[in-house]
Amino acid sequence: MKKMNILIMAVLVLLWSGTLSSAQAETVNKGEVKLTQQQKEELSALHRNILAEKKKLITKYVEYGILTEEKGKKILTRLEEHYSMLEKEGFVPQHKMGRDKWKHHHPNHQNRP
């Protein structure tokens, strides 16, 4: 019975991840999206809340010894950079699909050939 439960969970995960991938492919920005100032402010508030919670989580990981202090600082810096880039881009993620694969919006990210 235990093996059957594990098998069912594995199948559900695979089905769900396939659905997620197709959903992501459908939501790729094919044109320029213009958000209103109110929409930007709402997205900004949501992203700030997410950033604050992620910072709390990383701080706890460091406190409990799951992450080193150096690794924690590196992650926190990366989270701040990510928020800054989203803010700069008007809270519209800039991903590109196709032959170039995903083009991440981090300034130091290098696409692989």
Protein backbone atom coordinates (compact mmCIF):
# COMPACT_ATOMS: atom_id res chain seq x y z
CA MET A 1 0.00 0.00 0.00
CA LYS A 2 2.86 2.37 0.86
CA LYS A 3 4.44 1.79 -2.55
CA MET A 4 1.11 2.52 -4.23
CA ASN A 5 0.81 5.85 -2.39
CA ILE A 6 4.32 6.81 -3.46
CA LEU A 7 3.54 5.86 -7.05
CA ILE A 8 0.32 7.89 -7.03
CA MET A 9 2.15 10.91 -5.59
CA ALA A 10 4.88 10.61 -8.24
CA VAL A 11 2.30 10.48 -11.04
CA LEU A 12 0.47 13.50 -9.62
CA VAL A 13 3.71 15.48 -9.40
CA LEU A 14 4.58 14.63 -12.99
CA LEU A 15 1.12 15.57 -14.21
CA TRP A 16 1.14 18.81 -12.26
CA SER A 17 4.62 19.83 -13.47
CA GLY A 18 3.58 19.26 -17.09
CA THR A 19 0.54 21.45 -16.57
CA LEU A 20 2.69 24.13 -14.99
CA SER A 21 5.13 24.10 -17.91
CA SER A 22 2.36 24.49 -20.46
CA ALA A 23 0.80 27.26 -18.37
CA GLN A 24 4.13 29.07 -18.25
CA ALA A 25 4.54 28.74 -22.01
CA GLU A 26 1.13 30.30 -22.54
CA THR A 27 1.87 33.29 -20.31
CA VAL A 28 5.13 34.33 -21.95
CA ASN A 29 4.94 38.02 -22.75
CA LYS A 30 4.80 38.23 -26.56
CA GLY A 31 4.45 42.00 -26.64
CA GLU A 32 4.97 45.06 -24.54
CA VAL A 33 2.74 45.11 -21.46
CA LYS A 34 1.87 48.46 -19.95
CA LEU A 35 0.74 48.47 -16.33
CA THR A 36 -1.06 51.35 -14.71
CA GLN A 37 0.56 53.08 -11.74
CA GLN A 38 -2.00 51.44 -9.44
CA GLN A 39 -1.14 47.98 -10.82
CA LYS A 40 2.57 48.66 -10.35
CA GLU A 41 1.99 49.78 -6.77
CA GLU A 42 -0.04 46.67 -6.03
CA LEU A 43 2.61 44.38 -7.52
CA SER A 44 5.30 46.33 -5.68
CA ALA A 45 3.55 45.78 -2.35
CA LEU A 46 3.16 42.06 -3.03
CA HIS A 47 6.81 41.70 -4.03
CA ARG A 48 7.95 43.65 -0.96
CA ASN A 49 5.93 41.32 1.27
CA ILE A 50 7.39 38.27 -0.45
CA LEU A 51 10.89 39.72 -0.11
CA ALA A 52 10.39 40.38 3.60
CA GLU A 53 9.16 36.83 4.22
CA LYS A 54 12.01 35.30 2.22
CA LYS A 55 14.49 37.38 4.23
CA LYS A 56 12.96 36.07 7.46
CA LEU A 57 13.26 32.52 6.17
CA ILE A 58 16.91 32.88 5.13
CA THR A 59 17.72 34.54 8.47
CA LYS A 60 16.19 31.56 10.31
CA TYR A 61 18.13 29.11 8.13
CA VAL A 62 21.35 30.90 9.11
CA GLU A 63 20.30 31.06 12.78
CA TYR A 64 19.58 27.30 12.85
CA GLY A 65 22.82 26.44 11.06
CA ILE A 66 21.17 25.17 7.87
CA LEU A 67 23.00 27.84 5.86
CA THR A 68 26.33 29.46 6.56
CA GLU A 69 26.32 33.16 7.27
CA GLU A 70 28.20 33.76 4.02
CA LYS A 71 25.68 31.77 1.97
CA GLY A 72 22.80 33.55 3.74
CA LYS A 73 24.24 36.97 2.90
CA LYS A 74 24.74 35.90 -0.70
CA ILE A 75 21.11 34.78 -0.98
CA LEU A 76 19.84 37.98 0.66
CA THR A 77 21.90 40.07 -1.76
CA ARG A 78 20.50 38.11 -4.68
CA LEU A 79 16.93 38.60 -3.41
CA GLU A 80 17.53 42.37 -3.19
CA GLU A 81 18.98 42.42 -6.73
CA HIS A 82 15.99 40.48 -8.00
CA TYR A 83 13.55 42.96 -6.45
CA SER A 84 15.53 45.91 -7.85
CA MET A 85 15.41 44.45 -11.35
CA LEU A 86 11.67 43.82 -11.10
CA GLU A 87 11.18 47.38 -9.91
CA LYS A 88 13.31 48.73 -12.75
CA GLU A 89 11.29 46.67 -15.27
CA GLY A 90 7.97 47.94 -13.91
CA PHE A 91 7.20 44.58 -12.23
CA VAL A 92 6.81 42.82 -15.58
CA PRO A 93 9.16 39.78 -15.65
CA GLN A 94 11.34 39.78 -18.75
CA HIS A 95 11.64 36.15 -19.84
CA LYS A 96 12.35 35.06 -23.38
CA MET A 97 11.58 31.59 -24.70
CA GLY A 98 12.63 29.89 -27.85
CA ARG A 99 15.99 28.91 -29.26
CA ASP A 100 17.77 31.10 -26.71
CA LYS A 101 15.92 29.29 -23.91
CA TRP A 102 15.01 31.42 -20.90
CA LYS A 103 16.58 34.83 -20.69
CA HIS A 104 16.58 35.66 -17.01
CA HIS A 105 16.29 39.29 -15.99
CA HIS A 106 19.32 39.19 -13.68
CA PRO A 107 21.99 41.53 -15.11
CA ASN A 108 24.89 39.10 -14.56
CA HIS A 109 23.10 36.11 -16.07
CA GLN A 110 24.73 34.68 -19.19
CA ASN A 111 22.61 32.67 -21.62
CA ARG A 112 24.17 29.42 -22.67
CA PRO A 113 24.74 28.88 -26.41
